[in-house]
Amino acid sequence: MASTAAGKQRIPKVAKVKNKAPAEVQITAEQLLREAKERELELLPPPPKQKITDAEELNDYKLKKRKGFEDNIRKNRTVISNWIKYAQWEESLKEVQRARSIYERALDVDHRNITLWLKYAEMEMKNRQVNHARNIWDRAITILPRVNQFWYKYTYMEEMLGNIAGCRQVFERWMEWEPEEQAWHSYINFELRYKEVDKSRIILNGKALVMVHPEVKNWIKYAHFEEKHGYIARARKVFERAIEFFGEEHISESLSVAFARFEEKQKEFERVRVIYKYALDRIPKQQAQELFKNYTVFEKRFGDRRGIEDVIVSKRRFQYEEEVKASPHNYDAWFDYLRLVESDTDADTVREVYERAIANIPPIQEKRHWRRYIYLWINYALYEELEVKDPERTRQVYQACLELIPHKKFTFAKIWLLYGQFEIRQKNLQNARRGLGTAIGKCPKNKLFKGYIELELQLREFDRCRKLYEKYLEFSPENCTTWIKFAELEAILGDTDRARAIFELAIGQPRLDMPEVRTSHLSLFTVWISYGQFELSIDSDDRIQRCRQIYEEANKSMQSCEEKEERLMLLESWRDFEDEFGSFANKERVQKLLPEKVKKRRKITAEDGSDAGWEEYYDYIFPEDAANQPNLKLLAMAKIWKKQQQHEDEEEQEEEEEEEGQQPDPAA
């Protein structure tokens, strides 16, 4: 038992906590850290300084340090910081050869490490090993030619050593690699420090800084370089070369502003104005805000009222350019643009805008889409004729327009007539007739016939007018106006028989009695009335009888006409005639033919077929119609009976009132 008890390990008893309530004063982690800082518990004492008293101790120290560095390098050769620390420690001991050996070993490990080359070269320069430093820089720029830091430090070293030729040679080698812009500017500044203006110009131009980095700012710097050194003509030439280099499509706002300011300094105000206008015509509006601002300031300072107006016009031109670019088929924008350029620019510019405008042909061959477009051609032709005074070009515009219009689908009589009138003004009657004849043969229209006939009437070519009227009536025999005008022409020419025959043909046309086929608002009764007026105007004994006979025939002809209002108008015209020339019997006769006006109601149907209520309207009942319809007779008799009943009721009411008046008053 004793051995067993002795073999067991006795575990001490843990005292039980009687009070588990939190302490009144709590200790936080922040308090613990603050107390540790105050007591400086984590600070370790510095290692004791080792004092070397003889060469043997020094060698031991060096051996120990070198062994430590070598061990670190052996553990990880790719950590370049270990190599650099090792070399710098050797350098601190003036062991330059050993440091150089370490750098070479490190370069064998990683020859693309920029920091390694820089530290190596700096060590050589610090120890005044110039040739070694040059050798290192040469090797560095050969292996890593795109590291600009090597070139900057190499050129700086040569310049500090006074080796100007060597520094220039390094810059030349550097420029062959076409480095960044700052490198070129460093080369230029180097040459300028030694007053080598011509060599600086060669760098800017001959060495092609502006070609390697053709940004606008480099061209501007080149021009300012020439201006700064007093070469004004050269500076202007640089600006002109820059404008030519970028071309019209890529012209720059900043370049134009710089060029204009340069000319402004030279007091070349006309040149400034030309530069601004040239740029404003070619740069999009959203990219030319600064340009507009500078142009406006310039005109306010040095220009007159006309110059300021030019600025405003240029701004408006830019706005219109943006509009037509955004919507080429917005013809209203083209009209506004053309009005602007016509009032301010030369003929070539106006023609260019017109050509751009008419090139936007409507995509759909429907007349409603062409109505605005065709006026671009008309305005173009009128501009060439009236403003430029170029008849041949005007003729070409008209002919091109007529070739473009799809005449098989639709045409524009206006353009044909304008072309004919233009040829008349040019005293080329044959071309005018040929054009209008082609129009009538290709796409006949009422307006074309009327215009052609009017033209021949003005020329007093009455035989041609007769032929045109004949063709017109063959094309549109239902046109009442044409018959009337044709007859009036014959009457004016004194050919009564021809005029009468034309009227007879007109009233015999069955299509004149059909409202659905008439192309004019005039109808058959108008032809009858014109016929009657024609007979009345003839100086003959029987003119009144002839006119009355025409009215009678017209009334008989129109008894079957559905248009009762037209029939009424005919009878009213006949009544007016009889009032002036007829006897009492004739007047009574016509008066009996006039219709009775009655009010009726009819049902209204909506577009969807539903019932929309009733409406009142007036109808005319002619005596001839009433005699032929029993219902109308019955209606008339009913009206007479109603009137009689109303009359009898009124008489009875009057009698009752009289009897009441004769009775005595009971109160009296």
Foldseek 3Di string as FASTA:
>chain_A
DVVVVVPDDDDDDDDDDPDPDDDPDDDDPVNVVVVCVVVVVPDDDDDDDDDDDDPVVVVVVVVVVVVVLVVVCVVPVLPVVSLLVVLVVCVVVVNNVVSLVSLVVNCVVPVPDPVSLVSNLVSCVVVVVVVVSLVSLVVNCVVPVQPVVSLVVNLVVCVVVVVLVVSLVSLVVNCVVVHDPVSLVVSLVSCVVVPNLVVSLCSLPVSPPCPSVVDLVSLLVSLVSCVVVPNLVVSLVSLVVNDVVCDLQRDAQVSLLSNLVSVVVVVNLVVSLVSLLSNLVRDAPVRNPVSLVVQCVSCVVPNDPVSNVVSVLSNVLNVLVVVCVVPVLPLVSLVVNLVSCVVPHDPVVSVVSLVSNLVCDDPDLDVVSCPSSVVSLVVVLCCCCPPVVDLVVSLVSLVVSVVPRPLVRHDDLVSLLVNLVSCVVVVNNVVSVVSLVCCCVRHNDPVSLVSVLVVCVVVVVVVVNLVSLVSVCVVPVLELVSLLVNLVSCVVVVNNVVSLVSLVVNLPDPSLLPVVRHPDPDGNLVSLVSSLVSLCPDPDDCSLVVSLVSLVVVLVVCPPRPPVVSSQVSLVSSLVSCVVPNDPVSNVVSVLFHWDKDKDKDWDADPVRHTPGMDIDIDTGTPVNCVVDVVSVVVVVVVVVVVVVVVVVVVVVVVVVVVVVPDDDPVD
